C-alpha atoms as a PDB file:
ATOM      1  CA  UNK A   1      95.633 -19.744 -45.618  1.00  0.00           C
ATOM      2  CA  UNK A   2      96.496 -19.068 -49.248  1.00  0.00           C
ATOM      3  CA  UNK A   3      94.409 -20.314 -52.139  1.00  0.00           C
ATOM      4  CA  UNK A   4      97.107 -22.830 -53.102  1.00  0.00           C
ATOM      5  CA  UNK A   5      97.289 -24.138 -49.536  1.00  0.00           C
ATOM      6  CA  UNK A   6      93.510 -24.543 -49.383  1.00  0.00           C
ATOM      7  CA  UNK A   7      93.492 -26.491 -52.676  1.00  0.00           C
ATOM      8  CA  UNK A   8      96.258 -28.744 -51.362  1.00  0.00           C
ATOM      9  CA  UNK A   9      94.296 -29.311 -48.149  1.00  0.00           C
ATOM     10  CA  UNK A  10      91.230 -30.363 -50.177  1.00  0.00           C
ATOM     11  CA  UNK A  11      93.323 -32.847 -52.170  1.00  0.00           C
ATOM     12  CA  UNK A  12      94.756 -34.339 -48.956  1.00  0.00           C
ATOM     13  CA  UNK A  13      91.249 -34.809 -47.530  1.00  0.00           C
ATOM     14  CA  UNK A  14      90.089 -36.525 -50.728  1.00  0.00           C
ATOM     15  CA  UNK A  15      93.030 -38.965 -50.619  1.00  0.00           C
ATOM     16  CA  UNK A  16      92.131 -39.758 -46.992  1.00  0.00           C
ATOM     17  CA  UNK A  17      88.527 -40.448 -48.154  1.00  0.00           C
ATOM     18  CA  UNK A  18      87.090 -37.985 -45.683  1.00  0.00           C
ATOM     19  CA  UNK A  19      83.408 -37.281 -46.338  1.00  0.00           C
ATOM     20  CA  UNK A  20      82.864 -33.577 -46.951  1.00  0.00           C
ATOM     21  CA  UNK A  21      80.089 -31.196 -47.823  1.00  0.00           C
ATOM     22  CA  UNK A  22      80.734 -30.110 -51.428  1.00  0.00           C
ATOM     23  CA  UNK A  23      82.478 -26.759 -51.591  1.00  0.00           C
ATOM     24  CA  UNK A  24      82.502 -24.209 -54.358  1.00  0.00           C
ATOM     25  CA  UNK A  25      85.781 -23.409 -56.067  1.00  0.00           C
ATOM     26  CA  UNK A  26      85.734 -20.030 -54.304  1.00  0.00           C
ATOM     27  CA  UNK A  27      86.050 -19.991 -50.521  1.00  0.00           C
ATOM     28  CA  UNK A  28      84.889 -16.848 -48.659  1.00  0.00           C
ATOM     29  CA  UNK A  29      87.626 -14.667 -47.229  1.00  0.00           C
ATOM     30  CA  UNK A  30      87.209 -12.153 -44.398  1.00  0.00           C
ATOM     31  CA  UNK A  31      88.822  -8.811 -44.979  1.00  0.00           C
ATOM     32  CA  UNK A  32      88.972  -5.781 -42.674  1.00  0.00           C
ATOM     33  CA  UNK A  33      87.732  -2.837 -44.698  1.00  0.00           C
ATOM     34  CA  UNK A  34      86.527   0.679 -43.995  1.00  0.00           C
ATOM     35  CA  UNK A  35      82.998   0.958 -45.298  1.00  0.00           C
ATOM     36  CA  UNK A  36      80.185   3.466 -45.272  1.00  0.00           C
ATOM     37  CA  UNK A  37      77.045   1.610 -44.088  1.00  0.00           C
ATOM     38  CA  UNK A  38      78.170  -1.381 -46.204  1.00  0.00           C
ATOM     39  CA  UNK A  39      77.705  -3.815 -43.360  1.00  0.00           C
ATOM     40  CA  UNK A  40      74.101  -2.720 -43.069  1.00  0.00           C
ATOM     41  CA  UNK A  41      72.993  -3.423 -46.636  1.00  0.00           C
ATOM     42  CA  UNK A  42      70.724  -6.457 -47.091  1.00  0.00           C
ATOM     43  CA  UNK A  43      73.074  -8.125 -49.589  1.00  0.00           C
ATOM     44  CA  UNK A  44      76.257  -8.006 -47.475  1.00  0.00           C
ATOM     45  CA  UNK A  45      75.455 -10.940 -45.206  1.00  0.00           C
ATOM     46  CA  UNK A  46      73.349 -12.812 -47.763  1.00  0.00           C
ATOM     47  CA  UNK A  47      75.438 -15.934 -47.279  1.00  0.00           C
ATOM     48  CA  UNK A  48      74.430 -16.043 -43.626  1.00  0.00           C
ATOM     49  CA  UNK A  49      70.727 -15.447 -44.237  1.00  0.00           C
ATOM     50  CA  UNK A  50      69.774 -18.223 -46.618  1.00  0.00           C
ATOM     51  CA  UNK A  51      67.677 -19.845 -43.903  1.00  0.00           C
ATOM     52  CA  UNK A  52      66.063 -16.588 -42.772  1.00  0.00           C
ATOM     53  CA  UNK A  53      62.572 -15.944 -44.037  1.00  0.00           C
ATOM     54  CA  UNK A  54      62.442 -12.834 -46.183  1.00  0.00           C
ATOM     55  CA  UNK A  55      60.219 -10.197 -44.623  1.00  0.00           C
ATOM     56  CA  UNK A  56      57.694  -8.234 -46.653  1.00  0.00           C
ATOM     57  CA  UNK A  57      56.676  -4.695 -45.695  1.00  0.00           C
ATOM     58  CA  UNK A  58      53.026  -4.606 -44.710  1.00  0.00           C
ATOM     59  CA  UNK A  59      50.606  -2.008 -46.050  1.00  0.00           C
ATOM     60  CA  UNK A  60      50.514   1.091 -43.840  1.00  0.00           C
ATOM     61  CA  UNK A  61      47.969   3.919 -43.764  1.00  0.00           C
ATOM     62  CA  UNK A  62      49.434   7.408 -44.081  1.00  0.00           C
ATOM     63  CA  UNK A  63      48.294   9.940 -41.490  1.00  0.00           C
ATOM     64  CA  UNK A  64      46.326  12.062 -43.993  1.00  0.00           C
ATOM     65  CA  UNK A  65      44.467   8.979 -45.313  1.00  0.00           C
ATOM     66  CA  UNK A  66      43.506   7.681 -41.863  1.00  0.00           C
ATOM     67  CA  UNK A  67      39.763   7.344 -41.178  1.00  0.00           C
ATOM     68  CA  UNK A  68      39.739   7.320 -37.399  1.00  0.00           C
ATOM     69  CA  UNK A  69      37.303   7.426 -34.511  1.00  0.00           C
ATOM     70  CA  UNK A  70      37.664   7.905 -30.748  1.00  0.00           C
ATOM     71  CA  UNK A  71      36.090   5.402 -28.382  1.00  0.00           C
ATOM     72  CA  UNK A  72      36.252   4.563 -24.670  1.00  0.00           C
ATOM     73  CA  UNK A  73      38.508   1.644 -23.816  1.00  0.00           C
ATOM     74  CA  UNK A  74      37.609   0.173 -20.430  1.00  0.00           C
ATOM     75  CA  UNK A  75      40.048  -1.957 -18.436  1.00  0.00           C
ATOM     76  CA  UNK A  76      39.843  -3.088 -14.801  1.00  0.00           C
ATOM     77  CA  UNK A  77      37.151  -0.585 -13.946  1.00  0.00           C
ATOM     78  CA  UNK A  78      38.794   2.467 -15.516  1.00  0.00           C
ATOM     79  CA  UNK A  79      38.534   3.944 -18.984  1.00  0.00           C
ATOM     80  CA  UNK A  80      40.744   5.856 -21.398  1.00  0.00           C
ATOM     81  CA  UNK A  81      40.072   7.399 -24.782  1.00  0.00           C
ATOM     82  CA  UNK A  82      41.388   5.288 -27.651  1.00  0.00           C
ATOM     83  CA  UNK A  83      42.046   6.318 -31.263  1.00  0.00           C
ATOM     84  CA  UNK A  84      40.890   3.502 -33.556  1.00  0.00           C
ATOM     85  CA  UNK A  85      40.186   2.947 -37.224  1.00  0.00           C
ATOM     86  CA  UNK A  86      36.545   3.807 -37.881  1.00  0.00           C
ATOM     87  CA  UNK A  87      34.305   0.851 -37.096  1.00  0.00           C
ATOM     88  CA  UNK A  88      37.121  -1.046 -35.332  1.00  0.00           C
ATOM     89  CA  UNK A  89      38.387  -1.358 -31.761  1.00  0.00           C
ATOM     90  CA  UNK A  90      42.083  -1.954 -32.460  1.00  0.00           C
ATOM     91  CA  UNK A  91      44.484   0.919 -31.761  1.00  0.00           C
ATOM     92  CA  UNK A  92      44.986   2.898 -34.986  1.00  0.00           C
ATOM     93  CA  UNK A  93      48.506   3.441 -36.292  1.00  0.00           C
ATOM     94  CA  UNK A  94      49.457   5.801 -39.090  1.00  0.00           C
ATOM     95  CA  UNK A  95      52.543   6.479 -41.168  1.00  0.00           C
ATOM     96  CA  UNK A  96      53.905   9.910 -40.293  1.00  0.00           C
ATOM     97  CA  UNK A  97      55.751  12.279 -42.627  1.00  0.00           C
ATOM     98  CA  UNK A  98      59.463  11.770 -43.304  1.00  0.00           C
ATOM     99  CA  UNK A  99      61.430  13.716 -40.681  1.00  0.00           C
ATOM    100  CA  UNK A 100      65.024  14.173 -39.574  1.00  0.00           C
ATOM    101  CA  UNK A 101      66.442  12.132 -36.671  1.00  0.00           C
ATOM    102  CA  UNK A 102      67.484  14.420 -33.802  1.00  0.00           C
ATOM    103  CA  UNK A 103      68.427  11.557 -31.476  1.00  0.00           C
ATOM    104  CA  UNK A 104      67.655   7.871 -31.072  1.00  0.00           C
ATOM    105  CA  UNK A 105      68.116   4.744 -28.968  1.00  0.00           C
ATOM    106  CA  UNK A 106      67.361   2.100 -31.581  1.00  0.00           C
ATOM    107  CA  UNK A 107      70.290  -0.280 -31.066  1.00  0.00           C
ATOM    108  CA  UNK A 108      69.499  -3.836 -29.949  1.00  0.00           C
ATOM    109  CA  UNK A 109      69.132  -2.860 -26.256  1.00  0.00           C
ATOM    110  CA  UNK A 110      67.427   0.499 -26.789  1.00  0.00           C
ATOM    111  CA  UNK A 111      67.977   2.767 -23.755  1.00  0.00           C
ATOM    112  CA  UNK A 112      68.489  -0.153 -21.345  1.00  0.00           C
ATOM    113  CA  UNK A 113      71.941   1.083 -20.228  1.00  0.00           C
ATOM    114  CA  UNK A 114      70.388   4.408 -19.284  1.00  0.00           C
ATOM    115  CA  UNK A 115      67.274   3.007 -17.565  1.00  0.00           C
ATOM    116  CA  UNK A 116      68.671  -0.227 -16.124  1.00  0.00           C
ATOM    117  CA  UNK A 117      65.292  -1.973 -15.817  1.00  0.00           C
ATOM    118  CA  UNK A 118      64.290  -4.072 -18.884  1.00  0.00           C
ATOM    119  CA  UNK A 119      60.597  -3.591 -18.066  1.00  0.00           C
ATOM    120  CA  UNK A 120      61.033   0.183 -18.293  1.00  0.00           C
ATOM    121  CA  UNK A 121      63.544   0.251 -21.163  1.00  0.00           C
ATOM    122  CA  UNK A 122      62.351   1.501 -24.535  1.00  0.00           C
ATOM    123  CA  UNK A 123      63.402   2.008 -28.118  1.00  0.00           C
ATOM    124  CA  UNK A 124      63.181   5.747 -28.685  1.00  0.00           C
ATOM    125  CA  UNK A 125      63.588   8.177 -31.553  1.00  0.00           C
ATOM    126  CA  UNK A 126      63.158  11.950 -31.576  1.00  0.00           C
ATOM    127  CA  UNK A 127      62.247  13.543 -34.895  1.00  0.00           C
ATOM    128  CA  UNK A 128      62.342  17.130 -36.117  1.00  0.00           C
ATOM    129  CA  UNK A 129      61.089  19.048 -39.119  1.00  0.00           C
ATOM    130  CA  UNK A 130      63.227  19.940 -42.101  1.00  0.00           C
ATOM    131  CA  UNK A 131      65.794  17.822 -43.898  1.00  0.00           C
ATOM    132  CA  UNK A 132      68.957  18.629 -41.967  1.00  0.00           C
ATOM    133  CA  UNK A 133      71.973  17.958 -44.177  1.00  0.00           C
ATOM    134  CA  UNK A 134      70.137  15.666 -46.585  1.00  0.00           C
ATOM    135  CA  UNK A 135      70.345  16.524 -50.306  1.00  0.00           C
ATOM    136  CA  UNK A 136      67.789  19.103 -51.472  1.00  0.00           C
ATOM    137  CA  UNK A 137      66.460  16.764 -54.167  1.00  0.00           C
ATOM    138  CA  UNK A 138      64.879  14.729 -51.362  1.00  0.00           C
ATOM    139  CA  UNK A 139      62.306  17.471 -50.713  1.00  0.00           C
ATOM    140  CA  UNK A 140      60.789  17.149 -54.193  1.00  0.00           C
ATOM    141  CA  UNK A 141      60.900  13.352 -54.067  1.00  0.00           C
ATOM    142  CA  UNK A 142      59.125  13.108 -50.701  1.00  0.00           C
ATOM    143  CA  UNK A 143      56.550  15.932 -51.099  1.00  0.00           C
ATOM    144  CA  UNK A 144      56.870  16.841 -47.426  1.00  0.00           C
ATOM    145  CA  UNK A 145      53.868  17.930 -45.346  1.00  0.00           C
ATOM    146  CA  UNK A 146      55.586  17.924 -41.969  1.00  0.00           C
ATOM    147  CA  UNK A 147      53.740  20.835 -40.347  1.00  0.00           C
ATOM    148  CA  UNK A 148      50.368  19.438 -41.448  1.00  0.00           C
ATOM    149  CA  UNK A 149      51.309  16.087 -39.919  1.00  0.00           C
ATOM    150  CA  UNK A 150      52.153  17.715 -36.565  1.00  0.00           C
ATOM    151  CA  UNK A 151      48.850  19.586 -36.672  1.00  0.00           C
ATOM    152  CA  UNK A 152      47.066  16.257 -37.224  1.00  0.00           C
ATOM    153  CA  UNK A 153      48.703  14.812 -34.094  1.00  0.00           C
ATOM    154  CA  UNK A 154      47.781  17.891 -32.051  1.00  0.00           C
ATOM    155  CA  UNK A 155      44.190  17.877 -33.307  1.00  0.00           C
ATOM    156  CA  UNK A 156      43.721  14.147 -32.673  1.00  0.00           C
ATOM    157  CA  UNK A 157      45.203  14.378 -29.169  1.00  0.00           C
ATOM    158  CA  UNK A 158      42.923  17.319 -28.329  1.00  0.00           C
ATOM    159  CA  UNK A 159      39.797  15.525 -29.583  1.00  0.00           C
ATOM    160  CA  UNK A 160      40.649  12.438 -27.515  1.00  0.00           C
ATOM    161  CA  UNK A 161      41.125  14.537 -24.376  1.00  0.00           C
ATOM    162  CA  UNK A 162      37.808  16.265 -25.009  1.00  0.00           C
ATOM    163  CA  UNK A 163      36.239  12.797 -25.242  1.00  0.00           C
ATOM    164  CA  UNK A 164      37.757  11.897 -21.850  1.00  0.00           C
ATOM    165  CA  UNK A 165      36.446  15.128 -20.329  1.00  0.00           C
ATOM    166  CA  UNK A 166      32.878  14.982 -21.606  1.00  0.00           C
ATOM    167  CA  UNK A 167      32.572  11.232 -20.945  1.00  0.00           C
ATOM    168  CA  UNK A 168      33.900  11.849 -17.411  1.00  0.00           C
ATOM    169  CA  UNK A 169      36.489   9.069 -17.819  1.00  0.00           C
ATOM    170  CA  UNK A 170      39.014  10.525 -15.381  1.00  0.00           C
ATOM    171  CA  UNK A 171      36.727  12.365 -12.954  1.00  0.00           C
ATOM    172  CA  UNK A 172      38.141  15.783 -13.877  1.00  0.00           C
ATOM    173  CA  UNK A 173      35.956  18.725 -12.956  1.00  0.00           C
ATOM    174  CA  UNK A 174      36.054  22.381 -13.908  1.00  0.00           C
ATOM    175  CA  UNK A 175      36.459  24.069 -17.278  1.00  0.00           C
ATOM    176  CA  UNK A 176      37.461  22.234 -20.449  1.00  0.00           C
ATOM    177  CA  UNK A 177      40.158  24.772 -21.342  1.00  0.00           C
ATOM    178  CA  UNK A 178      41.910  24.339 -17.990  1.00  0.00           C
ATOM    179  CA  UNK A 179      41.680  20.576 -18.375  1.00  0.00           C
ATOM    180  CA  UNK A 180      43.310  20.693 -21.831  1.00  0.00           C
ATOM    181  CA  UNK A 181      46.096  22.997 -20.641  1.00  0.00           C
ATOM    182  CA  UNK A 182      46.880  20.690 -17.722  1.00  0.00           C
ATOM    183  CA  UNK A 183      47.541  17.668 -19.966  1.00  0.00           C
ATOM    184  CA  UNK A 184      51.060  16.276 -20.281  1.00  0.00           C
ATOM    185  CA  UNK A 185      51.870  15.345 -23.885  1.00  0.00           C
ATOM    186  CA  UNK A 186      55.125  13.502 -23.203  1.00  0.00           C
ATOM    187  CA  UNK A 187      55.872  13.017 -26.909  1.00  0.00           C
ATOM    188  CA  UNK A 188      56.413  16.748 -27.380  1.00  0.00           C
ATOM    189  CA  UNK A 189      60.108  17.459 -26.905  1.00  0.00           C
ATOM    190  CA  UNK A 190      62.398  19.594 -29.072  1.00  0.00           C
ATOM    191  CA  UNK A 191      60.695  17.674 -31.843  1.00  0.00           C
ATOM    192  CA  UNK A 192      58.390  14.679 -31.374  1.00  0.00           C
ATOM    193  CA  UNK A 193      59.477  11.567 -29.507  1.00  0.00           C
ATOM    194  CA  UNK A 194      58.208   8.056 -30.223  1.00  0.00           C
ATOM    195  CA  UNK A 195      58.780   5.106 -27.887  1.00  0.00           C
ATOM    196  CA  UNK A 196      58.416   1.326 -28.162  1.00  0.00           C
ATOM    197  CA  UNK A 197      58.700  -1.400 -25.527  1.00  0.00           C
ATOM    198  CA  UNK A 198      61.993  -3.311 -25.534  1.00  0.00           C
ATOM    199  CA  UNK A 199      60.289  -6.710 -25.518  1.00  0.00           C
ATOM    200  CA  UNK A 200      56.877  -8.104 -26.307  1.00  0.00           C
ATOM    201  CA  UNK A 201      54.664  -9.397 -23.495  1.00  0.00           C
ATOM    202  CA  UNK A 202      56.023 -12.838 -24.414  1.00  0.00           C
ATOM    203  CA  UNK A 203      59.593 -11.691 -23.755  1.00  0.00           C
ATOM    204  CA  UNK A 204      60.721 -11.575 -27.399  1.00  0.00           C
ATOM    205  CA  UNK A 205      62.624  -8.696 -28.989  1.00  0.00           C
ATOM    206  CA  UNK A 206      60.319  -5.862 -30.002  1.00  0.00           C
ATOM    207  CA  UNK A 207      62.879  -3.895 -32.021  1.00  0.00           C
ATOM    208  CA  UNK A 208      61.402  -2.067 -35.027  1.00  0.00           C
ATOM    209  CA  UNK A 209      62.296  -3.226 -38.545  1.00  0.00           C
ATOM    210  CA  UNK A 210      64.228  -0.898 -40.844  1.00  0.00           C
ATOM    211  CA  UNK A 211      63.376  -0.744 -44.551  1.00  0.00           C
ATOM    212  CA  UNK A 212      65.068   0.878 -47.550  1.00  0.00           C
ATOM    213  CA  UNK A 213      63.709   1.108 -51.095  1.00  0.00           C
ATOM    214  CA  UNK A 214      65.511  -0.886 -53.788  1.00  0.00           C
ATOM    215  CA  UNK A 215      66.110   1.569 -56.639  1.00  0.00           C
ATOM    216  CA  UNK A 216      65.785  -1.170 -59.268  1.00  0.00           C
ATOM    217  CA  UNK A 217      62.660  -2.962 -58.085  1.00  0.00           C
ATOM    218  CA  UNK A 218      61.222   0.108 -56.273  1.00  0.00           C
ATOM    219  CA  UNK A 219      60.214  -2.263 -53.459  1.00  0.00           C
ATOM    220  CA  UNK A 220      61.198  -1.882 -49.812  1.00  0.00           C
ATOM    221  CA  UNK A 221      63.705  -4.420 -48.490  1.00  0.00           C
ATOM    222  CA  UNK A 222      64.746  -5.065 -44.906  1.00  0.00           C
ATOM    223  CA  UNK A 223      67.820  -3.091 -43.881  1.00  0.00           C
ATOM    224  CA  UNK A 224      70.124  -4.428 -41.175  1.00  0.00           C
ATOM    225  CA  UNK A 225      71.354  -1.597 -38.941  1.00  0.00           C
ATOM    226  CA  UNK A 226      73.267  -1.600 -35.664  1.00  0.00           C
ATOM    227  CA  UNK A 227      72.208   1.978 -34.994  1.00  0.00           C
ATOM    228  CA  UNK A 228      70.436   4.790 -36.804  1.00  0.00           C
ATOM    229  CA  UNK A 229      72.725   7.819 -37.327  1.00  0.00           C
ATOM    230  CA  UNK A 230      71.544  11.255 -36.268  1.00  0.00           C
ATOM    231  CA  UNK A 231      70.575  13.394 -39.235  1.00  0.00           C
ATOM    232  CA  UNK A 232      68.973  10.456 -41.080  1.00  0.00           C
ATOM    233  CA  UNK A 233      65.677  11.046 -42.864  1.00  0.00           C
ATOM    234  CA  UNK A 234      63.148   8.408 -41.818  1.00  0.00           C
ATOM    235  CA  UNK A 235      59.424   7.746 -41.772  1.00  0.00           C
ATOM    236  CA  UNK A 236      57.821   6.096 -38.724  1.00  0.00           C
ATOM    237  CA  UNK A 237      54.545   4.474 -37.812  1.00  0.00           C
ATOM    238  CA  UNK A 238      52.944   6.119 -34.803  1.00  0.00           C
ATOM    239  CA  UNK A 239      49.991   5.542 -32.457  1.00  0.00           C
ATOM    240  CA  UNK A 240      48.606   7.963 -29.883  1.00  0.00           C
ATOM    241  CA  UNK A 241      47.972   6.490 -26.443  1.00  0.00           C
ATOM    242  CA  UNK A 242      46.305   8.201 -23.463  1.00  0.00           C
ATOM    243  CA  UNK A 243      46.795   7.810 -19.720  1.00  0.00           C
ATOM    244  CA  UNK A 244      45.702   9.086 -16.322  1.00  0.00           C
ATOM    245  CA  UNK A 245      47.307   8.099 -13.002  1.00  0.00           C
ATOM    246  CA  UNK A 246      48.582   9.386  -9.675  1.00  0.00           C
ATOM    247  CA  UNK A 247      52.329   9.741  -9.166  1.00  0.00           C
ATOM    248  CA  UNK A 248      53.524  10.657  -5.646  1.00  0.00           C
ATOM    249  CA  UNK A 249      50.098  12.116  -4.870  1.00  0.00           C
ATOM    250  CA  UNK A 250      50.251  14.191  -8.067  1.00  0.00           C
ATOM    251  CA  UNK A 251      47.705  13.435 -10.750  1.00  0.00           C
ATOM    252  CA  UNK A 252      49.098  13.013 -14.275  1.00  0.00           C
ATOM    253  CA  UNK A 253      47.136  12.706 -17.480  1.00  0.00           C
ATOM    254  CA  UNK A 254      47.849  13.209 -21.146  1.00  0.00           C
ATOM    255  CA  UNK A 255      49.180  11.346 -24.194  1.00  0.00           C
ATOM    256  CA  UNK A 256      52.205   9.468 -25.488  1.00  0.00           C
ATOM    257  CA  UNK A 257      53.242   8.486 -29.008  1.00  0.00           C
ATOM    258  CA  UNK A 258      54.038   4.813 -29.593  1.00  0.00           C
ATOM    259  CA  UNK A 259      56.632   3.837 -32.190  1.00  0.00           C
ATOM    260  CA  UNK A 260      55.264   1.291 -34.645  1.00  0.00           C
ATOM    261  CA  UNK A 261      56.854  -1.843 -36.041  1.00  0.00           C
ATOM    262  CA  UNK A 262      58.309  -0.332 -39.234  1.00  0.00           C
ATOM    263  CA  UNK A 263      60.745   2.488 -40.008  1.00  0.00           C
ATOM    264  CA  UNK A 264      61.351   3.565 -43.615  1.00  0.00           C
ATOM    265  CA  UNK A 265      64.890   4.875 -44.119  1.00  0.00           C
ATOM    266  CA  UNK A 266      65.031   7.437 -46.938  1.00  0.00           C
ATOM    267  CA  UNK A 267      68.573   8.725 -46.406  1.00  0.00           C
ATOM    268  CA  UNK A 268      71.495   8.399 -43.989  1.00  0.00           C
ATOM    269  CA  UNK A 269      74.588  10.604 -43.602  1.00  0.00           C
ATOM    270  CA  UNK A 270      77.898   9.111 -44.640  1.00  0.00           C
ATOM    271  CA  UNK A 271      79.380   7.898 -41.387  1.00  0.00           C
ATOM    272  CA  UNK A 272      82.418   5.622 -41.255  1.00  0.00           C
ATOM    273  CA  UNK A 273      82.375   2.599 -38.955  1.00  0.00           C
ATOM    274  CA  UNK A 274      85.998   1.456 -38.842  1.00  0.00           C
ATOM    275  CA  UNK A 275      85.214  -1.638 -36.770  1.00  0.00           C
ATOM    276  CA  UNK A 276      82.821  -3.052 -39.369  1.00  0.00           C
ATOM    277  CA  UNK A 277      83.777  -6.323 -41.021  1.00  0.00           C
ATOM    278  CA  UNK A 278      83.108  -6.593 -44.709  1.00  0.00           C
ATOM    279  CA  UNK A 279      82.531 -10.115 -46.029  1.00  0.00           C
ATOM    280  CA  UNK A 280      84.269 -10.344 -49.393  1.00  0.00           C
ATOM    281  CA  UNK A 281      83.396 -13.405 -51.480  1.00  0.00           C
END
């Protein structure tokens, strides 16, 4: 409908004394446009989010500032080591270094199509060191300590396993060195892999929140993304979790790396999404 036709329609409704919600002189138009991540910027769908509460990024503790302790967490007669903030009993989470995305399943349904079972489906992201194809200026801006961060994860996982061994939590006998070598650290892939449950225990979506820094205010704002492109530079919250169980008569023990609630997006490659719809006011 053209602008003239819309104005004529408004006049006809007024003459018919039809009650209407007041409209602005400009009526939104939908236009198909090729964009580069435009549909993911917080301001694009602002007109549709007036009733949505604005989220604020919570304070997170960086891995090299974490003051942690390892305790025994007992549940239903069994115990596991648990990494907590010193003096607390809640699972400790820490902000890892910015890393490059090697692969991810962070769309709305995570890896559900691959797994099939919602109770086993997860949001996953695999991260590697380096900056990939990101601009070199990012290295100076981020002051990367990626190798030190990986060493922190290794050291913390080892200390927790030593706690399990000496506290006899899993009934493992023999030498400590053999025990450590037999552990399965399922977060160690080509890079490091973090996972997060698809839903909360209450059945609500458990998808992580993406954040991008506003260059003017220097504050992080929520970023709406359908998917996270490979090669992106992001920073994740992580928590180490430990397990021991029998699987088909084979005993398994080791650690996993949980993906936290927040992901900071520092850079994304320029990828065109031709099916995006740009809302042009």
